Amino acid sequence: VSFTLIGMLGSGIARRTGRRMTRAEWLGGTALPSVCATIALYAWGALH
């Protein structure tokens, strides 16, 4: 899921091509790494 979300974020950045990001795009771009961080932290703790 983390790699999928990072791929989605990367494709969204690539699609932008010179256009200024809207507030919704900026917030969505912040939400995806936050979800990835949550998942990664859970996996790290679960491994312990």
ModelCIF file with pLDDT and N, C-alpha, C, O atoms, coordinates in Angstrom:
data_MODEL
#
_entry.id   MODEL 
#
_entity.id                         1 
_entity.type                       polymer 
_entity.pdbx_number_of_molecules   1 
#
_entity_poly.entity_id                      1 
_entity_poly.type                           'polypeptide(L)' 
_entity_poly.nstd_linkage                   no 
_entity_poly.nstd_monomer                   no 
_entity_poly.pdbx_seq_one_letter_code       VSFTLIGMLGSGIARRTGRRMTRAEWLGGTALPSVCATIALYAWGALH 
_entity_poly.pdbx_seq_one_letter_code_can   VSFTLIGMLGSGIARRTGRRMTRAEWLGGTALPSVCATIALYAWGALH 
_entity_poly.pdbx_strand_id                 A 
#
loop_
_entity_poly_seq.entity_id 
_entity_poly_seq.num 
_entity_poly_seq.mon_id 
_entity_poly_seq.hetero 
1 1  VAL n 
1 2  SER n 
1 3  PHE n 
1 4  THR n 
1 5  LEU n 
1 6  ILE n 
1 7  GLY n 
1 8  MET n 
1 9  LEU n 
1 10 GLY n 
1 11 SER n 
1 12 GLY n 
1 13 ILE n 
1 14 ALA n 
1 15 ARG n 
1 16 ARG n 
1 17 THR n 
1 18 GLY n 
1 19 ARG n 
1 20 ARG n 
1 21 MET n 
1 22 THR n 
1 23 ARG n 
1 24 ALA n 
1 25 GLU n 
1 26 TRP n 
1 27 LEU n 
1 28 GLY n 
1 29 GLY n 
1 30 THR n 
1 31 ALA n 
1 32 LEU n 
1 33 PRO n 
1 34 SER n 
1 35 VAL n 
1 36 CYS n 
1 37 ALA n 
1 38 THR n 
1 39 ILE n 
1 40 ALA n 
1 41 LEU n 
1 42 TYR n 
1 43 ALA n 
1 44 TRP n 
1 45 GLY n 
1 46 ALA n 
1 47 LEU n 
1 48 HIS n 
#
_struct_asym.id          A 
_struct_asym.entity_id   1 
#
loop_
_ma_qa_metric.id 
_ma_qa_metric.mode 
_ma_qa_metric.name 
_ma_qa_metric.software_group_id 
_ma_qa_metric.type 
1 global pLDDT . pLDDT 
2 local  pLDDT . pLDDT 
#
_ma_qa_metric_global.metric_id      1 
_ma_qa_metric_global.metric_value   80.23 
_ma_qa_metric_global.model_id       1 
_ma_qa_metric_global.ordinal_id     1 
#
loop_
_ma_qa_metric_local.label_asym_id 
_ma_qa_metric_local.label_comp_id 
_ma_qa_metric_local.label_seq_id 
_ma_qa_metric_local.metric_id 
_ma_qa_metric_local.metric_value 
_ma_qa_metric_local.model_id 
_ma_qa_metric_local.ordinal_id 
A VAL 1  2 86.00 1 1  
A SER 2  2 83.00 1 2  
A PHE 3  2 85.00 1 3  
A THR 4  2 87.00 1 4  
A LEU 5  2 82.00 1 5  
A ILE 6  2 81.00 1 6  
A GLY 7  2 84.00 1 7  
A MET 8  2 79.00 1 8  
A LEU 9  2 75.00 1 9  
A GLY 10 2 76.00 1 10 
A SER 11 2 76.00 1 11 
A GLY 12 2 69.00 1 12 
A ILE 13 2 66.00 1 13 
A ALA 14 2 65.00 1 14 
A ARG 15 2 67.00 1 15 
A ARG 16 2 64.00 1 16 
A THR 17 2 66.00 1 17 
A GLY 18 2 68.00 1 18 
A ARG 19 2 69.00 1 19 
A ARG 20 2 75.00 1 20 
A MET 21 2 72.00 1 21 
A THR 22 2 75.00 1 22 
A ARG 23 2 76.00 1 23 
A ALA 24 2 76.00 1 24 
A GLU 25 2 75.00 1 25 
A TRP 26 2 79.00 1 26 
A LEU 27 2 80.00 1 27 
A GLY 28 2 78.00 1 28 
A GLY 29 2 78.00 1 29 
A THR 30 2 83.00 1 30 
A ALA 31 2 85.00 1 31 
A LEU 32 2 83.00 1 32 
A PRO 33 2 87.00 1 33 
A SER 34 2 89.00 1 34 
A VAL 35 2 88.00 1 35 
A CYS 36 2 87.00 1 36 
A ALA 37 2 90.00 1 37 
A THR 38 2 91.00 1 38 
A ILE 39 2 90.00 1 39 
A ALA 40 2 89.00 1 40 
A LEU 41 2 91.00 1 41 
A TYR 42 2 90.00 1 42 
A ALA 43 2 88.00 1 43 
A TRP 44 2 88.00 1 44 
A GLY 45 2 88.00 1 45 
A ALA 46 2 86.00 1 46 
A LEU 47 2 83.00 1 47 
A HIS 48 2 83.00 1 48 
#
loop_
_atom_site.group_PDB 
_atom_site.id 
_atom_site.type_symbol 
_atom_site.label_atom_id 
_atom_site.label_alt_id 
_atom_site.label_comp_id 
_atom_site.label_asym_id 
_atom_site.label_entity_id 
_atom_site.label_seq_id 
_atom_site.pdbx_PDB_ins_code 
_atom_site.Cartn_x 
_atom_site.Cartn_y 
_atom_site.Cartn_z 
_atom_site.occupancy 
_atom_site.B_iso_or_equiv 
_atom_site.pdbx_formal_charge 
_atom_site.auth_seq_id 
_atom_site.auth_comp_id 
_atom_site.auth_asym_id 
_atom_site.auth_atom_id 
_atom_site.pdbx_PDB_model_num 
ATOM 1   N N  . VAL A 1 1  ? 0.838  -1.208 0.000   1.00 86.00 ? 1  VAL A N  1 
ATOM 2   C CA . VAL A 1 1  ? 0.000  0.000  0.000   1.00 86.00 ? 1  VAL A CA 1 
ATOM 3   C C  . VAL A 1 1  ? 0.871  1.255  0.000   1.00 86.00 ? 1  VAL A C  1 
ATOM 4   O O  . VAL A 1 1  ? 0.567  2.214  -0.710  1.00 86.00 ? 1  VAL A O  1 
ATOM 5   N N  . SER A 1 2  ? 1.944  1.262  0.782   1.00 83.00 ? 2  SER A N  1 
ATOM 6   C CA . SER A 1 2  ? 2.829  2.433  0.837   1.00 83.00 ? 2  SER A CA 1 
ATOM 7   C C  . SER A 1 2  ? 3.452  2.716  -0.529  1.00 83.00 ? 2  SER A C  1 
ATOM 8   O O  . SER A 1 2  ? 3.472  3.864  -0.974  1.00 83.00 ? 2  SER A O  1 
ATOM 9   N N  . PHE A 1 3  ? 3.957  1.685  -1.193  1.00 85.00 ? 3  PHE A N  1 
ATOM 10  C CA . PHE A 1 3  ? 4.553  1.892  -2.509  1.00 85.00 ? 3  PHE A CA 1 
ATOM 11  C C  . PHE A 1 3  ? 3.506  2.331  -3.524  1.00 85.00 ? 3  PHE A C  1 
ATOM 12  O O  . PHE A 1 3  ? 3.807  3.134  -4.407  1.00 85.00 ? 3  PHE A O  1 
ATOM 13  N N  . THR A 1 4  ? 2.296  1.825  -3.417  1.00 87.00 ? 4  THR A N  1 
ATOM 14  C CA . THR A 1 4  ? 1.221  2.246  -4.310  1.00 87.00 ? 4  THR A CA 1 
ATOM 15  C C  . THR A 1 4  ? 0.899  3.722  -4.105  1.00 87.00 ? 4  THR A C  1 
ATOM 16  O O  . THR A 1 4  ? 0.748  4.468  -5.072  1.00 87.00 ? 4  THR A O  1 
ATOM 17  N N  . LEU A 1 5  ? 0.795  4.139  -2.853  1.00 82.00 ? 5  LEU A N  1 
ATOM 18  C CA . LEU A 1 5  ? 0.493  5.539  -2.564  1.00 82.00 ? 5  LEU A CA 1 
ATOM 19  C C  . LEU A 1 5  ? 1.618  6.469  -3.004  1.00 82.00 ? 5  LEU A C  1 
ATOM 20  O O  . LEU A 1 5  ? 1.359  7.564  -3.502  1.00 82.00 ? 5  LEU A O  1 
ATOM 21  N N  . ILE A 1 6  ? 2.860  6.042  -2.824  1.00 81.00 ? 6  ILE A N  1 
ATOM 22  C CA . ILE A 1 6  ? 3.989  6.846  -3.287  1.00 81.00 ? 6  ILE A CA 1 
ATOM 23  C C  . ILE A 1 6  ? 3.962  6.953  -4.810  1.00 81.00 ? 6  ILE A C  1 
ATOM 24  O O  . ILE A 1 6  ? 4.263  8.010  -5.365  1.00 81.00 ? 6  ILE A O  1 
ATOM 25  N N  . GLY A 1 7  ? 3.602  5.860  -5.487  1.00 84.00 ? 7  GLY A N  1 
ATOM 26  C CA . GLY A 1 7  ? 3.442  5.905  -6.944  1.00 84.00 ? 7  GLY A CA 1 
ATOM 27  C C  . GLY A 1 7  ? 2.338  6.859  -7.377  1.00 84.00 ? 7  GLY A C  1 
ATOM 28  O O  . GLY A 1 7  ? 2.484  7.581  -8.364  1.00 84.00 ? 7  GLY A O  1 
ATOM 29  N N  . MET A 1 8  ? 1.235  6.861  -6.638  1.00 79.00 ? 8  MET A N  1 
ATOM 30  C CA . MET A 1 8  ? 0.143  7.792  -6.945  1.00 79.00 ? 8  MET A CA 1 
ATOM 31  C C  . MET A 1 8  ? 0.597  9.237  -6.774  1.00 79.00 ? 8  MET A C  1 
ATOM 32  O O  . MET A 1 8  ? 0.264  10.096 -7.590  1.00 79.00 ? 8  MET A O  1 
ATOM 33  N N  . LEU A 1 9  ? 1.347  9.501  -5.726  1.00 75.00 ? 9  LEU A N  1 
ATOM 34  C CA . LEU A 1 9  ? 1.858  10.845 -5.484  1.00 75.00 ? 9  LEU A CA 1 
ATOM 35  C C  . LEU A 1 9  ? 2.803  11.262 -6.606  1.00 75.00 ? 9  LEU A C  1 
ATOM 36  O O  . LEU A 1 9  ? 2.730  12.385 -7.103  1.00 75.00 ? 9  LEU A O  1 
ATOM 37  N N  . GLY A 1 10 ? 3.683  10.357 -6.998  1.00 76.00 ? 10 GLY A N  1 
ATOM 38  C CA . GLY A 1 10 ? 4.615  10.653 -8.088  1.00 76.00 ? 10 GLY A CA 1 
ATOM 39  C C  . GLY A 1 10 ? 3.916  10.905 -9.404  1.00 76.00 ? 10 GLY A C  1 
ATOM 40  O O  . GLY A 1 10 ? 4.309  11.799 -10.153 1.00 76.00 ? 10 GLY A O  1 
ATOM 41  N N  . SER A 1 11 ? 2.874  10.124 -9.701  1.00 76.00 ? 11 SER A N  1 
ATOM 42  C CA . SER A 1 11 ? 2.158  10.335 -10.963 1.00 76.00 ? 11 SER A CA 1 
ATOM 43  C C  . SER A 1 11 ? 1.383  11.648 -10.927 1.00 76.00 ? 11 SER A C  1 
ATOM 44  O O  . SER A 1 11 ? 1.238  12.306 -11.957 1.00 76.00 ? 11 SER A O  1 
ATOM 45  N N  . GLY A 1 12 ? 0.887  12.035 -9.760  1.00 69.00 ? 12 GLY A N  1 
ATOM 46  C CA . GLY A 1 12 ? 0.192  13.316 -9.638  1.00 69.00 ? 12 GLY A CA 1 
ATOM 47  C C  . GLY A 1 12 ? 1.139  14.483 -9.849  1.00 69.00 ? 12 GLY A C  1 
ATOM 48  O O  . GLY A 1 12 ? 0.773  15.488 -10.458 1.00 69.00 ? 12 GLY A O  1 
ATOM 49  N N  . ILE A 1 13 ? 2.357  14.345 -9.344  1.00 66.00 ? 13 ILE A N  1 
ATOM 50  C CA . ILE A 1 13 ? 3.358  15.401 -9.545  1.00 66.00 ? 13 ILE A CA 1 
ATOM 51  C C  . ILE A 1 13 ? 3.764  15.463 -11.010 1.00 66.00 ? 13 ILE A C  1 
ATOM 52  O O  . ILE A 1 13 ? 3.921  16.553 -11.561 1.00 66.00 ? 13 ILE A O  1 
ATOM 53  N N  . ALA A 1 14 ? 3.934  14.315 -11.644 1.00 65.00 ? 14 ALA A N  1 
ATOM 54  C CA . ALA A 1 14 ? 4.334  14.274 -13.050 1.00 65.00 ? 14 ALA A CA 1 
ATOM 55  C C  . ALA A 1 14 ? 3.251  14.850 -13.960 1.00 65.00 ? 14 ALA A C  1 
ATOM 56  O O  . ALA A 1 14 ? 3.571  15.476 -14.971 1.00 65.00 ? 14 ALA A O  1 
ATOM 57  N N  . ARG A 1 15 ? 1.992  14.652 -13.626 1.00 67.00 ? 15 ARG A N  1 
ATOM 58  C CA . ARG A 1 15 ? 0.882  15.165 -14.433 1.00 67.00 ? 15 ARG A CA 1 
ATOM 59  C C  . ARG A 1 15 ? 0.775  16.682 -14.378 1.00 67.00 ? 15 ARG A C  1 
ATOM 60  O O  . ARG A 1 15 ? 0.256  17.303 -15.305 1.00 67.00 ? 15 ARG A O  1 
ATOM 61  N N  . ARG A 1 16 ? 1.253  17.269 -13.317 1.00 64.00 ? 16 ARG A N  1 
ATOM 62  C CA . ARG A 1 16 ? 1.099  18.706 -13.110 1.00 64.00 ? 16 ARG A CA 1 
ATOM 63  C C  . ARG A 1 16 ? 1.803  19.515 -14.180 1.00 64.00 ? 16 ARG A C  1 
ATOM 64  O O  . ARG A 1 16 ? 1.216  20.470 -14.689 1.00 64.00 ? 16 ARG A O  1 
ATOM 65  N N  . THR A 1 17 ? 2.989  19.193 -14.534 1.00 66.00 ? 17 THR A N  1 
ATOM 66  C CA . THR A 1 17 ? 3.802  19.808 -15.589 1.00 66.00 ? 17 THR A CA 1 
ATOM 67  C C  . THR A 1 17 ? 3.620  21.321 -15.727 1.00 66.00 ? 17 THR A C  1 
ATOM 68  O O  . THR A 1 17 ? 2.968  21.803 -16.653 1.00 66.00 ? 17 THR A O  1 
ATOM 69  N N  . GLY A 1 18 ? 4.206  22.044 -14.797 1.00 68.00 ? 18 GLY A N  1 
ATOM 70  C CA . GLY A 1 18 ? 4.242  23.496 -14.894 1.00 68.00 ? 18 GLY A CA 1 
ATOM 71  C C  . GLY A 1 18 ? 3.023  24.212 -14.347 1.00 68.00 ? 18 GLY A C  1 
ATOM 72  O O  . GLY A 1 18 ? 3.084  25.417 -14.103 1.00 68.00 ? 18 GLY A O  1 
ATOM 73  N N  . ARG A 1 19 ? 1.938  23.522 -14.151 1.00 69.00 ? 19 ARG A N  1 
ATOM 74  C CA . ARG A 1 19 ? 0.722  24.147 -13.627 1.00 69.00 ? 19 ARG A CA 1 
ATOM 75  C C  . ARG A 1 19 ? 0.869  24.295 -12.126 1.00 69.00 ? 19 ARG A C  1 
ATOM 76  O O  . ARG A 1 19 ? 1.408  23.419 -11.450 1.00 69.00 ? 19 ARG A O  1 
ATOM 77  N N  . ARG A 1 20 ? 0.388  25.404 -11.622 1.00 75.00 ? 20 ARG A N  1 
ATOM 78  C CA . ARG A 1 20 ? 0.448  25.643 -10.176 1.00 75.00 ? 20 ARG A CA 1 
ATOM 79  C C  . ARG A 1 20 ? -0.521 24.719 -9.448  1.00 75.00 ? 20 ARG A C  1 
ATOM 80  O O  . ARG A 1 20 ? -1.640 24.493 -9.908  1.00 75.00 ? 20 ARG A O  1 
ATOM 81  N N  . MET A 1 21 ? -0.083 24.186 -8.303  1.00 72.00 ? 21 MET A N  1 
ATOM 82  C CA . MET A 1 21 ? -0.932 23.273 -7.530  1.00 72.00 ? 21 MET A CA 1 
ATOM 83  C C  . MET A 1 21 ? -2.062 24.032 -6.850  1.00 72.00 ? 21 MET A C  1 
ATOM 84  O O  . MET A 1 21 ? -1.866 25.124 -6.315  1.00 72.00 ? 21 MET A O  1 
ATOM 85  N N  . THR A 1 22 ? -3.236 23.441 -6.880  1.00 75.00 ? 22 THR A N  1 
ATOM 86  C CA . THR A 1 22 ? -4.361 24.004 -6.142  1.00 75.00 ? 22 THR A CA 1 
ATOM 87  C C  . THR A 1 22 ? -4.224 23.620 -4.677  1.00 75.00 ? 22 THR A C  1 
ATOM 88  O O  . THR A 1 22 ? -3.405 22.774 -4.319  1.00 75.00 ? 22 THR A O  1 
ATOM 89  N N  . ARG A 1 23 ? -5.030 24.248 -3.839  1.00 76.00 ? 23 ARG A N  1 
ATOM 90  C CA . ARG A 1 23 ? -4.991 23.938 -2.416  1.00 76.00 ? 23 ARG A CA 1 
ATOM 91  C C  . ARG A 1 23 ? -5.381 22.474 -2.186  1.00 76.00 ? 23 ARG A C  1 
ATOM 92  O O  . ARG A 1 23 ? -4.784 21.797 -1.350  1.00 76.00 ? 23 ARG A O  1 
ATOM 93  N N  . ALA A 1 24 ? -6.375 21.990 -2.921  1.00 76.00 ? 24 ALA A N  1 
ATOM 94  C CA . ALA A 1 24 ? -6.805 20.595 -2.766  1.00 76.00 ? 24 ALA A CA 1 
ATOM 95  C C  . ALA A 1 24 ? -5.687 19.633 -3.166  1.00 76.00 ? 24 ALA A C  1 
ATOM 96  O O  . ALA A 1 24 ? -5.486 18.613 -2.507  1.00 76.00 ? 24 ALA A O  1 
ATOM 97  N N  . GLU A 1 25 ? -4.959 19.948 -4.237  1.00 75.00 ? 25 GLU A N  1 
ATOM 98  C CA . GLU A 1 25 ? -3.851 19.088 -4.662  1.00 75.00 ? 25 GLU A CA 1 
ATOM 99  C C  . GLU A 1 25 ? -2.718 19.108 -3.639  1.00 75.00 ? 25 GLU A C  1 
ATOM 100 O O  . GLU A 1 25 ? -2.101 18.080 -3.358  1.00 75.00 ? 25 GLU A O  1 
ATOM 101 N N  . TRP A 1 26 ? -2.454 20.292 -3.088  1.00 79.00 ? 26 TRP A N  1 
ATOM 102 C CA . TRP A 1 26 ? -1.401 20.402 -2.084  1.00 79.00 ? 26 TRP A CA 1 
ATOM 103 C C  . TRP A 1 26 ? -1.765 19.596 -0.843  1.00 79.00 ? 26 TRP A C  1 
ATOM 104 O O  . TRP A 1 26 ? -0.932 18.871 -0.300  1.00 79.00 ? 26 TRP A O  1 
ATOM 105 N N  . LEU A 1 27 ? -3.002 19.725 -0.402  1.00 80.00 ? 27 LEU A N  1 
ATOM 106 C CA . LEU A 1 27 ? -3.434 18.977 0.791   1.00 80.00 ? 27 LEU A CA 1 
ATOM 107 C C  . LEU A 1 27 ? -3.461 17.476 0.521   1.00 80.00 ? 27 LEU A C  1 
ATOM 108 O O  . LEU A 1 27 ? -3.058 16.685 1.374   1.00 80.00 ? 27 LEU A O  1 
ATOM 109 N N  . GLY A 1 28 ? -3.933 17.082 -0.656  1.00 78.00 ? 28 GLY A N  1 
ATOM 110 C CA . GLY A 1 28 ? -3.916 15.662 -1.017  1.00 78.00 ? 28 GLY A CA 1 
ATOM 111 C C  . GLY A 1 28 ? -2.494 15.127 -1.093  1.00 78.00 ? 28 GLY A C  1 
ATOM 112 O O  . GLY A 1 28 ? -2.225 13.986 -0.715  1.00 78.00 ? 28 GLY A O  1 
ATOM 113 N N  . GLY A 1 29 ? -1.578 15.972 -1.592  1.00 78.00 ? 29 GLY A N  1 
ATOM 114 C CA . GLY A 1 29 ? -0.172 15.601 -1.649  1.00 78.00 ? 29 GLY A CA 1 
ATOM 115 C C  . GLY A 1 29 ? 0.455  15.475 -0.271  1.00 78.00 ? 29 GLY A C  1 
ATOM 116 O O  . GLY A 1 29 ? 1.450  14.768 -0.109  1.00 78.00 ? 29 GLY A O  1 
ATOM 117 N N  . THR A 1 30 ? -0.105 16.141 0.712   1.00 83.00 ? 30 THR A N  1 
ATOM 118 C CA . THR A 1 30 ? 0.362  16.012 2.092   1.00 83.00 ? 30 THR A CA 1 
ATOM 119 C C  . THR A 1 30 ? -0.261 14.787 2.756   1.00 83.00 ? 30 THR A C  1 
ATOM 120 O O  . THR A 1 30 ? 0.379  14.129 3.576   1.00 83.00 ? 30 THR A O  1 
ATOM 121 N N  . ALA A 1 31 ? -1.493 14.486 2.404   1.00 85.00 ? 31 ALA A N  1 
ATOM 122 C CA . ALA A 1 31 ? -2.191 13.353 3.014   1.00 85.00 ? 31 ALA A CA 1 
ATOM 123 C C  . ALA A 1 31 ? -1.540 12.019 2.629   1.00 85.00 ? 31 ALA A C  1 
ATOM 124 O O  . ALA A 1 31 ? -1.410 11.133 3.472   1.00 85.00 ? 31 ALA A O  1 
ATOM 125 N N  . LEU A 1 32 ? -1.135 11.870 1.376   1.00 83.00 ? 32 LEU A N  1 
ATOM 126 C CA . LEU A 1 32 ? -0.556 10.596 0.933   1.00 83.00 ? 32 LEU A CA 1 
ATOM 127 C C  . LEU A 1 32 ? 0.726  10.227 1.681   1.00 83.00 ? 32 LEU A C  1 
ATOM 128 O O  . LEU A 1 32 ? 0.835  9.098  2.159   1.00 83.00 ? 32 LEU A O  1 
ATOM 129 N N  . PRO A 1 33 ? 1.695  11.132 1.802   1.00 87.00 ? 33 PRO A N  1 
ATOM 130 C CA . PRO A 1 33 ? 2.888  10.759 2.592   1.00 87.00 ? 33 PRO A CA 1 
ATOM 131 C C  . PRO A 1 33 ? 2.560  10.514 4.066   1.00 87.00 ? 33 PRO A C  1 
ATOM 132 O O  . PRO A 1 33 ? 3.223  9.714  4.726   1.00 87.00 ? 33 PRO A O  1 
ATOM 133 N N  . SER A 1 34 ? 1.545  11.197 4.580   1.00 89.00 ? 34 SER A N  1 
ATOM 134 C CA . SER A 1 34 ? 1.145  10.971 5.974   1.00 89.00 ? 34 SER A CA 1 
ATOM 135 C C  . SER A 1 34 ? 0.586  9.570  6.149   1.00 89.00 ? 34 SER A C  1 
ATOM 136 O O  . SER A 1 34 ? 0.867  8.905  7.146   1.00 89.00 ? 34 SER A O  1 
ATOM 137 N N  . VAL A 1 35 ? -0.206 9.119  5.182   1.00 88.00 ? 35 VAL A N  1 
ATOM 138 C CA . VAL A 1 35 ? -0.728 7.753  5.225   1.00 88.00 ? 35 VAL A CA 1 
ATOM 139 C C  . VAL A 1 35 ? 0.430  6.762  5.124   1.00 88.00 ? 35 VAL A C  1 
ATOM 140 O O  . VAL A 1 35 ? 0.466  5.768  5.849   1.00 88.00 ? 35 VAL A O  1 
ATOM 141 N N  . CYS A 1 36 ? 1.372  7.033  4.226   1.00 87.00 ? 36 CYS A N  1 
ATOM 142 C CA . CYS A 1 36 ? 2.540  6.158  4.079   1.00 87.00 ? 36 CYS A CA 1 
ATOM 143 C C  . CYS A 1 36 ? 3.349  6.104  5.377   1.00 87.00 ? 36 CYS A C  1 
ATOM 144 O O  . CYS A 1 36 ? 3.804  5.033  5.780   1.00 87.00 ? 36 CYS A O  1 
ATOM 145 N N  . ALA A 1 37 ? 3.527  7.253  6.030   1.00 90.00 ? 37 ALA A N  1 
ATOM 146 C CA . ALA A 1 37 ? 4.272  7.289  7.287   1.00 90.00 ? 37 ALA A CA 1 
ATOM 147 C C  . ALA A 1 37 ? 3.548  6.489  8.369   1.00 90.00 ? 37 ALA A C  1 
ATOM 148 O O  . ALA A 1 37 ? 4.184  5.775  9.145   1.00 90.00 ? 37 ALA A O  1 
ATOM 149 N N  . THR A 1 38 ? 2.220  6.608  8.420   1.00 91.00 ? 38 THR A N  1 
ATOM 150 C CA . THR A 1 38 ? 1.448  5.853  9.400   1.00 91.00 ? 38 THR A CA 1 
ATOM 151 C C  . THR A 1 38 ? 1.619  4.355  9.184   1.00 91.00 ? 38 THR A C  1 
ATOM 152 O O  . THR A 1 38 ? 1.848  3.606  10.133  1.00 91.00 ? 38 THR A O  1 
ATOM 153 N N  . ILE A 1 39 ? 1.509  3.927  7.938   1.00 90.00 ? 39 ILE A N  1 
ATOM 154 C CA . ILE A 1 39 ? 1.648  2.510  7.608   1.00 90.00 ? 39 ILE A CA 1 
ATOM 155 C C  . ILE A 1 39 ? 3.066  2.021  7.905   1.00 90.00 ? 39 ILE A C  1 
ATOM 156 O O  . ILE A 1 39 ? 3.248  0.938  8.461   1.00 90.00 ? 39 ILE A O  1 
ATOM 157 N N  . ALA A 1 40 ? 4.070  2.818  7.534   1.00 89.00 ? 40 ALA A N  1 
ATOM 158 C CA . ALA A 1 40 ? 5.461  2.424  7.759   1.00 89.00 ? 40 ALA A CA 1 
ATOM 159 C C  . ALA A 1 40 ? 5.765  2.320  9.258   1.00 89.00 ? 40 ALA A C  1 
ATOM 160 O O  . ALA A 1 40 ? 6.449  1.391  9.688   1.00 89.00 ? 40 ALA A O  1 
ATOM 161 N N  . LEU A 1 41 ? 5.263  3.262  10.046  1.00 91.00 ? 41 LEU A N  1 
ATOM 162 C CA . LEU A 1 41 ? 5.488  3.208  11.492  1.00 91.00 ? 41 LEU A CA 1 
ATOM 163 C C  . LEU A 1 41 ? 4.798  1.997  12.111  1.00 91.00 ? 41 LEU A C  1 
ATOM 164 O O  . LEU A 1 41 ? 5.358  1.348  12.995  1.00 91.00 ? 41 LEU A O  1 
ATOM 165 N N  . TYR A 1 42 ? 3.592  1.694  11.654  1.00 90.00 ? 42 TYR A N  1 
ATOM 166 C CA . TYR A 1 42 ? 2.896  0.519  12.178  1.00 90.00 ? 42 TYR A CA 1 
ATOM 167 C C  . TYR A 1 42 ? 3.678  -0.754 11.832  1.00 90.00 ? 42 TYR A C  1 
ATOM 168 O O  . TYR A 1 42 ? 3.857  -1.630 12.678  1.00 90.00 ? 42 TYR A O  1 
ATOM 169 N N  . ALA A 1 43 ? 4.138  -0.845 10.591  1.00 88.00 ? 43 ALA A N  1 
ATOM 170 C CA . ALA A 1 43 ? 4.904  -2.022 10.172  1.00 88.00 ? 43 ALA A CA 1 
ATOM 171 C C  . ALA A 1 43 ? 6.194  -2.145 10.984  1.00 88.00 ? 43 ALA A C  1 
ATOM 172 O O  . ALA A 1 43 ? 6.579  -3.246 11.376  1.00 88.00 ? 43 ALA A O  1 
ATOM 173 N N  . TRP A 1 44 ? 6.856  -1.023 11.234  1.00 88.00 ? 44 TRP A N  1 
ATOM 174 C CA . TRP A 1 44 ? 8.097  -1.036 12.017  1.00 88.00 ? 44 TRP A CA 1 
ATOM 175 C C  . TRP A 1 44 ? 7.825  -1.540 13.436  1.00 88.00 ? 44 TRP A C  1 
ATOM 176 O O  . TRP A 1 44 ? 8.560  -2.387 13.943  1.00 88.00 ? 44 TRP A O  1 
ATOM 177 N N  . GLY A 1 45 ? 6.792  -1.033 14.068  1.00 88.00 ? 45 GLY A N  1 
ATOM 178 C CA . GLY A 1 45 ? 6.447  -1.490 15.410  1.00 88.00 ? 45 GLY A CA 1 
ATOM 179 C C  . GLY A 1 45 ? 5.995  -2.938 15.425  1.00 88.00 ? 45 GLY A C  1 
ATOM 180 O O  . GLY A 1 45 ? 6.328  -3.688 16.343  1.00 88.00 ? 45 GLY A O  1 
ATOM 181 N N  . ALA A 1 46 ? 5.230  -3.337 14.400  1.00 86.00 ? 46 ALA A N  1 
ATOM 182 C CA . ALA A 1 46 ? 4.751  -4.720 14.313  1.00 86.00 ? 46 ALA A CA 1 
ATOM 183 C C  . ALA A 1 46 ? 5.917  -5.687 14.142  1.00 86.00 ? 46 ALA A C  1 
ATOM 184 O O  . ALA A 1 46 ? 5.879  -6.799 14.667  1.00 86.00 ? 46 ALA A O  1 
ATOM 185 N N  . LEU A 1 47 ? 6.944  -5.278 13.419  1.00 83.00 ? 47 LEU A N  1 
ATOM 186 C CA . LEU A 1 47 ? 8.121  -6.131 13.270  1.00 83.00 ? 47 LEU A CA 1 
ATOM 187 C C  . LEU A 1 47 ? 8.792  -6.380 14.616  1.00 83.00 ? 47 LEU A C  1 
ATOM 188 O O  . LEU A 1 47 ? 9.288  -7.478 14.866  1.00 83.00 ? 47 LEU A O  1 
ATOM 189 N N  . HIS A 1 48 ? 8.811  -5.369 15.486  1.00 83.00 ? 48 HIS A N  1 
ATOM 190 C CA . HIS A 1 48 ? 9.396  -5.552 16.814  1.00 83.00 ? 48 HIS A CA 1 
ATOM 191 C C  . HIS A 1 48 ? 8.604  -6.582 17.615  1.00 83.00 ? 48 HIS A C  1 
ATOM 192 O O  . HIS A 1 48 ? 8.948  -6.870 18.762  1.00 83.00 ? 48 HIS A O  1 
#
